[in-house]
């Protein structure tokens, strides 16, 4: 019996040490971006989910400042829609929003593309271990990757030199007070761009995920909204996204295709890189439009006068100070950018 107790104690101590090392060696990007979501005690009424175009294009703090709407930017780089479905499933365990805004940019991407694996750590590393997390890993990753995502110490154990030497790099320019958004500080020359409203005739890999996401939302009393955030992408990529017009009509889901909002953003001034990710000016314009559209179409409570949400103003003060310090002299905005949004409902 004494030997058995000693063995059990040794195994438990080993497990504690491994989990402690696991937490210590992880990059902090995931906690900075998603930690506030899991820690938030008050209701979050809107979730924005999807790719890096959501990550860089929507600012929850400006949505709070101008409309009093509580929201969180769950966007992640290179996120296929099959993964977005699991992000929503996991998110609903902590916060069940009134509206879920789903980016359709990667409707043409498969879930099994290996180069996307690294980006999935950004979300999954912050998710507490649970049966749902295990299901998400099993559903979206090959078996050879399961251990790495369920216990990332297997990936990060070689970071001691990086940590001790202070050379750790940031993979996302996000701070906790940004509620999932990030700053990309630059103004770039973008790729050549021509708008097309034609739609691809072939079914795209992410379409069935969109169908499941819409059903999942409605089963849980959440209003689904599909969105396409403008970027100077090829006509082929636009045609893939344009398929969503017909699909959204079949499902009865609004599709806010911001490519069709003339003058909303200026690709010559509002992009941080040549791929068309938004800099702070572009994000301000898109957020203002979405704030008007969402409050016009859904019963979203203005919580700015609610004492229970007073600490959101503390976050806003930190956000505005950071935006001014990092971007203030570069901004081309000289006043309010709110416009009167068209219905854009199919």
Protein backbone atom coordinates (compact mmCIF):
# COMPACT_ATOMS: atom_id res chain seq x y z
CA UNK A 1 0.00 0.00 0.00
CA UNK A 2 2.84 2.40 0.89
CA UNK A 3 4.53 1.75 -2.48
CA UNK A 4 1.26 2.31 -4.32
CA UNK A 5 0.72 5.63 -2.53
CA UNK A 6 4.28 6.71 -3.38
CA UNK A 7 3.80 5.82 -7.04
CA UNK A 8 0.49 7.68 -7.14
CA UNK A 9 2.02 10.72 -5.47
CA UNK A 10 4.93 10.65 -7.93
CA UNK A 11 2.56 10.47 -10.92
CA UNK A 12 0.45 13.34 -9.57
CA UNK A 13 3.56 15.46 -8.95
CA UNK A 14 4.79 14.75 -12.46
CA UNK A 15 1.44 15.78 -13.93
CA UNK A 16 1.42 19.01 -11.91
CA UNK A 17 4.96 19.83 -13.05
CA UNK A 18 4.12 19.13 -16.70
CA UNK A 19 0.98 21.27 -16.62
CA UNK A 20 2.89 24.07 -14.85
CA UNK A 21 5.65 23.92 -17.47
CA UNK A 22 2.99 23.84 -20.16
CA UNK A 23 1.48 27.10 -18.93
CA UNK A 24 4.84 28.75 -18.29
CA UNK A 25 6.28 28.10 -21.74
CA UNK A 26 3.24 29.01 -23.83
CA UNK A 27 3.31 32.23 -25.80
CA UNK A 28 1.10 34.88 -24.22
CA UNK A 29 -0.61 35.84 -27.51
CA UNK A 30 -3.54 33.55 -26.85
CA UNK A 31 -4.15 34.87 -23.33
CA UNK A 32 -3.87 38.50 -24.43
CA UNK A 33 -6.38 38.01 -27.21
CA UNK A 34 -8.88 35.52 -25.79
CA UNK A 35 -8.28 35.60 -22.03
CA UNK A 36 -10.61 38.60 -21.44
CA UNK A 37 -13.41 36.75 -23.25
CA UNK A 38 -13.30 33.78 -20.88
CA UNK A 39 -12.86 36.07 -17.86
CA UNK A 40 -15.68 38.52 -18.73
CA UNK A 41 -18.58 38.30 -16.23
CA UNK A 42 -21.12 40.53 -17.98
CA UNK A 43 -23.10 39.73 -21.13
CA UNK A 44 -21.42 40.03 -24.52
CA UNK A 45 -24.16 40.73 -27.05
CA UNK A 46 -22.26 40.40 -30.37
CA UNK A 47 -19.51 38.03 -31.46
CA UNK A 48 -17.44 38.65 -34.59
CA UNK A 49 -15.92 35.43 -35.91
CA UNK A 50 -13.69 34.58 -38.85
CA UNK A 51 -10.35 35.39 -40.41
CA UNK A 52 -7.69 38.06 -39.94
CA UNK A 53 -9.87 40.46 -41.94
CA UNK A 54 -12.25 40.42 -38.97
CA UNK A 55 -9.34 40.55 -36.52
CA UNK A 56 -8.03 43.76 -38.13
CA UNK A 57 -11.30 45.19 -39.38
CA UNK A 58 -13.58 45.35 -36.31
CA UNK A 59 -12.93 47.28 -33.09
CA UNK A 60 -15.17 46.24 -30.15
CA UNK A 61 -14.06 49.26 -28.13
CA UNK A 62 -15.26 51.68 -30.81
CA UNK A 63 -18.54 49.76 -31.02
CA UNK A 64 -18.84 50.29 -27.27
CA UNK A 65 -17.90 53.98 -27.44
CA UNK A 66 -20.29 54.92 -30.25
CA UNK A 67 -23.21 52.52 -29.68
CA UNK A 68 -22.92 51.06 -26.18
CA UNK A 69 -22.87 47.54 -27.65
CA UNK A 70 -20.81 44.88 -25.90
CA UNK A 71 -18.94 42.69 -28.37
CA UNK A 72 -15.86 40.54 -28.78
CA UNK A 73 -13.63 40.05 -31.79
CA UNK A 74 -12.94 36.31 -32.02
CA UNK A 75 -11.26 36.65 -35.45
CA UNK A 76 -8.11 34.65 -36.10
CA UNK A 77 -5.65 34.47 -38.98
CA UNK A 78 -6.35 31.89 -41.70
CA UNK A 79 -9.40 30.40 -39.99
CA UNK A 80 -11.46 28.06 -42.20
CA UNK A 81 -15.19 27.99 -41.55
CA UNK A 82 -15.09 24.47 -40.12
CA UNK A 83 -12.88 25.88 -37.36
CA UNK A 84 -15.12 28.95 -36.95
CA UNK A 85 -17.98 26.55 -36.18
CA UNK A 86 -15.99 25.09 -33.27
CA UNK A 87 -14.88 28.53 -32.07
CA UNK A 88 -18.56 29.44 -31.81
CA UNK A 89 -19.44 26.18 -30.04
CA UNK A 90 -16.72 26.76 -27.46
CA UNK A 91 -17.53 30.46 -27.09
CA UNK A 92 -21.19 29.72 -26.36
CA UNK A 93 -20.16 27.78 -23.27
CA UNK A 94 -18.99 31.09 -21.75
CA UNK A 95 -21.13 33.74 -23.47
CA UNK A 96 -24.26 33.24 -25.55
CA UNK A 97 -24.55 36.40 -27.69
CA UNK A 98 -27.64 37.88 -29.27
CA UNK A 99 -25.91 38.11 -32.67
CA UNK A 100 -23.03 36.15 -34.24
CA UNK A 101 -21.39 37.85 -37.24
CA UNK A 102 -19.64 35.25 -39.40
CA UNK A 103 -16.91 36.17 -41.89
CA UNK A 104 -17.17 34.22 -45.19
CA UNK A 105 -13.73 35.14 -46.59
CA UNK A 106 -12.37 31.58 -46.29
CA UNK A 107 -15.37 29.84 -47.78
CA UNK A 108 -12.95 28.35 -50.35
CA UNK A 109 -10.54 26.82 -47.80
CA UNK A 110 -10.50 23.26 -46.47
CA UNK A 111 -10.08 22.50 -42.79
CA UNK A 112 -7.14 20.14 -43.41
CA UNK A 113 -4.66 22.62 -44.92
CA UNK A 114 -1.51 22.13 -42.85
CA UNK A 115 -0.15 25.67 -43.07
CA UNK A 116 -3.11 26.85 -41.02
CA UNK A 117 -2.28 24.68 -37.98
CA UNK A 118 0.01 27.21 -36.29
CA UNK A 119 -2.68 29.88 -36.25
CA UNK A 120 -5.11 27.56 -34.47
CA UNK A 121 -2.94 27.69 -31.37
CA UNK A 122 -3.87 31.36 -30.98
CA UNK A 123 -7.43 30.37 -30.04
CA UNK A 124 -7.11 26.85 -28.67
CA UNK A 125 -4.25 27.59 -26.25
CA UNK A 126 -6.55 29.92 -24.27
CA UNK A 127 -9.40 27.41 -24.10
CA UNK A 128 -9.49 25.45 -20.82
CA UNK A 129 -9.20 21.69 -21.25
CA UNK A 130 -12.69 20.21 -21.51
CA UNK A 131 -14.56 17.50 -23.42
CA UNK A 132 -15.66 20.16 -25.94
CA UNK A 133 -12.07 21.24 -26.55
CA UNK A 134 -11.10 17.60 -27.07
CA UNK A 135 -13.95 17.24 -29.58
CA UNK A 136 -12.82 20.40 -31.40
CA UNK A 137 -9.24 19.18 -31.69
CA UNK A 138 -10.32 15.74 -32.87
CA UNK A 139 -12.72 17.22 -35.44
CA UNK A 140 -10.39 19.79 -36.99
CA UNK A 141 -6.89 18.31 -36.73
CA UNK A 142 -5.19 15.06 -37.72
CA UNK A 143 -4.42 12.60 -34.93
CA UNK A 144 -0.71 13.39 -35.15
CA UNK A 145 -1.46 16.96 -33.93
CA UNK A 146 -3.81 16.14 -31.04
CA UNK A 147 -1.24 16.06 -28.24
CA UNK A 148 0.30 19.35 -29.37
CA UNK A 149 -3.04 21.13 -29.15
CA UNK A 150 -4.34 19.49 -25.99
CA UNK A 151 -1.05 19.95 -24.13
CA UNK A 152 1.08 22.49 -26.03
CA UNK A 153 4.15 21.83 -23.84
CA UNK A 154 5.04 19.34 -26.57
CA UNK A 155 5.37 22.33 -28.93
CA UNK A 156 6.71 25.06 -26.64
CA UNK A 157 9.15 23.16 -24.43
CA UNK A 158 12.12 24.56 -26.40
CA UNK A 159 11.29 28.20 -25.58
CA UNK A 160 13.44 28.52 -22.44
CA UNK A 161 16.22 30.39 -24.24
CA UNK A 162 13.68 32.66 -25.90
CA UNK A 163 11.88 33.38 -22.61
CA UNK A 164 15.01 33.94 -20.53
CA UNK A 165 16.62 36.05 -23.24
CA UNK A 166 13.59 38.29 -23.67
CA UNK A 167 13.37 37.62 -27.41
CA UNK A 168 9.78 36.37 -27.54
CA UNK A 169 7.94 37.71 -30.60
CA UNK A 170 4.31 38.83 -30.64
CA UNK A 171 2.17 36.98 -33.15
CA UNK A 172 -0.84 39.25 -32.65
CA UNK A 173 -0.82 42.98 -31.82
CA UNK A 174 -3.62 42.72 -29.31
CA UNK A 175 -3.94 43.84 -25.69
CA UNK A 176 -6.61 42.66 -23.22
CA UNK A 177 -8.45 46.01 -23.27
CA UNK A 178 -9.01 45.69 -27.05
CA UNK A 179 -11.51 42.85 -26.52
CA UNK A 180 -10.00 40.71 -29.25
CA UNK A 181 -9.18 43.38 -31.83
CA UNK A 182 -5.69 44.47 -32.78
CA UNK A 183 -3.77 47.44 -34.19
CA UNK A 184 -1.82 47.08 -37.44
CA UNK A 185 0.21 50.25 -37.74
CA UNK A 186 1.08 50.97 -41.36
CA UNK A 187 -0.29 52.20 -44.67
CA UNK A 188 0.52 50.04 -47.67
CA UNK A 189 0.21 49.85 -51.44
CA UNK A 190 -2.26 47.08 -52.16
CA UNK A 191 -2.68 44.49 -54.89
CA UNK A 192 -4.46 45.47 -58.13
CA UNK A 193 -8.22 45.27 -57.61
CA UNK A 194 -11.32 45.05 -59.80
CA UNK A 195 -14.80 44.46 -58.37
CA UNK A 196 -16.97 41.65 -59.69
CA UNK A 197 -20.46 40.62 -58.65
CA UNK A 198 -20.31 37.30 -60.49
CA UNK A 199 -20.59 34.15 -58.39
CA UNK A 200 -18.70 30.88 -58.74
CA UNK A 201 -20.99 28.06 -59.81
CA UNK A 202 -19.22 25.28 -57.88
CA UNK A 203 -19.85 24.48 -54.22
CA UNK A 204 -17.07 25.73 -51.95
CA UNK A 205 -15.47 23.70 -49.13
CA UNK A 206 -16.84 25.97 -46.38
CA UNK A 207 -20.48 26.10 -47.46
CA UNK A 208 -21.71 23.21 -45.34
CA UNK A 209 -19.99 24.75 -42.32
CA UNK A 210 -21.98 27.94 -42.93
CA UNK A 211 -25.18 25.89 -43.04
CA UNK A 212 -24.27 24.23 -39.73
CA UNK A 213 -23.29 27.55 -38.14
CA UNK A 214 -26.64 29.10 -39.07
CA UNK A 215 -28.47 26.10 -37.60
CA UNK A 216 -26.32 26.15 -34.44
CA UNK A 217 -27.10 29.82 -33.91
CA UNK A 218 -30.83 29.37 -34.28
CA UNK A 219 -30.88 26.32 -32.01
CA UNK A 220 -29.39 28.55 -29.32
CA UNK A 221 -31.48 31.68 -29.88
CA UNK A 222 -28.65 33.56 -31.62
CA UNK A 223 -29.18 35.65 -34.75
CA UNK A 224 -26.64 34.66 -37.45
CA UNK A 225 -25.25 37.26 -39.85
CA UNK A 226 -22.84 36.54 -42.71
CA UNK A 227 -20.32 39.22 -43.60
CA UNK A 228 -17.65 39.91 -46.22
CA UNK A 229 -15.11 42.57 -45.24
CA UNK A 230 -13.65 44.40 -48.26
CA UNK A 231 -10.09 43.71 -49.34
CA UNK A 232 -8.30 44.03 -52.71
CA UNK A 233 -8.63 40.32 -53.43
CA UNK A 234 -8.79 38.64 -56.82
CA UNK A 235 -11.96 38.33 -58.84
CA UNK A 236 -11.84 34.58 -58.27
CA UNK A 237 -11.84 35.03 -54.48
CA UNK A 238 -14.68 37.53 -54.77
CA UNK A 239 -16.68 35.05 -56.84
CA UNK A 240 -16.27 32.44 -54.11
CA UNK A 241 -17.65 34.86 -51.52
CA UNK A 242 -20.42 36.02 -53.85
CA UNK A 243 -21.87 32.50 -53.71
CA UNK A 244 -23.01 33.38 -50.19
CA UNK A 245 -25.71 35.68 -51.60
CA UNK A 246 -27.67 32.67 -52.85
CA UNK A 247 -26.87 30.52 -49.82
CA UNK A 248 -27.88 33.27 -47.40
CA UNK A 249 -31.16 33.65 -49.29
CA UNK A 250 -31.87 29.93 -48.95
CA UNK A 251 -31.09 30.00 -45.24
CA UNK A 252 -32.86 33.29 -44.53
CA UNK A 253 -29.64 34.76 -43.08
CA UNK A 254 -28.63 38.40 -43.71
CA UNK A 255 -25.46 38.75 -45.79
CA UNK A 256 -23.70 42.07 -45.22
CA UNK A 257 -21.38 42.19 -48.21
CA UNK A 258 -19.30 45.28 -47.52
CA UNK A 259 -17.66 45.01 -50.95
CA UNK A 260 -20.92 46.52 -52.21
CA UNK A 261 -20.86 49.60 -49.95
CA UNK A 262 -19.42 52.25 -52.22
CA UNK A 263 -16.88 54.52 -50.57
CA UNK A 264 -16.81 52.65 -47.26
CA UNK A 265 -13.03 52.19 -47.27
CA UNK A 266 -10.24 53.49 -49.46
CA UNK A 267 -7.73 50.76 -50.34
CA UNK A 268 -5.12 53.46 -51.04
CA UNK A 269 -5.18 54.73 -47.45
CA UNK A 270 -6.98 52.27 -45.16
CA UNK A 271 -4.88 49.10 -45.54
CA UNK A 272 -1.96 48.07 -43.39
CA UNK A 273 -0.49 45.57 -45.87
CA UNK A 274 -0.68 44.74 -49.58
CA UNK A 275 -3.27 42.01 -48.85
CA UNK A 276 -5.77 44.60 -47.67
CA UNK A 277 -5.93 44.02 -43.93
CA UNK A 278 -7.29 47.17 -42.34
CA UNK A 279 -5.18 49.69 -40.44
CA UNK A 280 -6.88 51.66 -37.62
CA UNK A 281 -8.52 54.12 -40.07
CA UNK A 282 -10.06 51.30 -42.07
CA UNK A 283 -11.19 49.47 -38.91
CA UNK A 284 -12.86 52.65 -37.60
CA UNK A 285 -14.86 53.02 -40.82
CA UNK A 286 -15.97 49.39 -40.92
CA UNK A 287 -16.84 49.32 -37.21
CA UNK A 288 -18.93 52.48 -37.53
CA UNK A 289 -20.88 51.01 -40.42
CA UNK A 290 -21.46 47.70 -38.65
CA UNK A 291 -22.53 49.49 -35.47
CA UNK A 292 -25.25 51.35 -37.34
CA UNK A 293 -26.33 48.28 -39.27
CA UNK A 294 -26.51 46.02 -36.22
CA UNK A 295 -28.37 48.50 -34.02
CA UNK A 296 -30.81 49.21 -36.86
CA UNK A 297 -31.64 45.53 -37.38
CA UNK A 298 -31.42 44.00 -33.89
CA UNK A 299 -32.55 44.86 -30.39
CA UNK A 300 -29.13 45.51 -28.90
CA UNK A 301 -29.10 47.25 -25.52
CA UNK A 302 -27.07 50.42 -25.13
CA UNK A 303 -25.24 49.55 -21.91
CA UNK A 304 -23.21 52.76 -21.52
CA UNK A 305 -25.49 53.93 -18.68
CA UNK A 306 -25.41 50.60 -16.84
CA UNK A 307 -23.19 50.74 -13.75
CA UNK A 308 -22.42 47.03 -14.10
CA UNK A 309 -20.51 47.87 -17.30
CA UNK A 310 -18.68 50.96 -16.02
CA UNK A 311 -15.33 49.17 -16.26
CA UNK A 312 -15.79 48.98 -20.04
CA UNK A 313 -15.08 52.71 -20.01
CA UNK A 314 -11.75 52.01 -18.31
CA UNK A 315 -10.90 49.68 -21.19
CA UNK A 316 -12.01 52.34 -23.65
CA UNK A 317 -9.69 54.92 -22.08
CA UNK A 318 -6.75 52.52 -22.43
CA UNK A 319 -7.76 51.73 -26.01
CA UNK A 320 -8.06 55.38 -27.07
CA UNK A 321 -4.76 56.30 -25.44
CA UNK A 322 -3.01 53.44 -27.25
CA UNK A 323 -4.63 54.29 -30.57
CA UNK A 324 -3.58 57.92 -30.28
CA UNK A 325 -0.04 57.03 -29.24
CA UNK A 326 0.49 54.47 -32.00
CA UNK A 327 -1.61 55.91 -34.83
CA UNK A 328 -2.68 59.45 -33.99
CA UNK A 329 -0.20 61.28 -36.22
CA UNK A 330 -0.85 58.88 -39.10
CA UNK A 331 -4.63 59.05 -39.15
CA UNK A 332 -6.38 60.67 -42.09
CA UNK A 333 -9.72 60.83 -40.28
CA UNK A 334 -10.79 64.33 -39.29
CA UNK A 335 -14.21 63.69 -37.79
CA UNK A 336 -17.10 61.23 -37.45
CA UNK A 337 -17.19 58.52 -40.11
CA UNK A 338 -20.72 57.24 -39.49
CA UNK A 339 -22.82 56.75 -42.59
CA UNK A 340 -26.41 55.70 -43.21
CA UNK A 341 -26.15 51.97 -43.93
CA UNK A 342 -28.22 50.39 -46.69
CA UNK A 343 -30.38 47.41 -45.66
CA UNK A 344 -28.08 44.79 -47.27
CA UNK A 345 -30.39 41.98 -46.20
CA UNK A 346 -31.04 39.07 -48.57
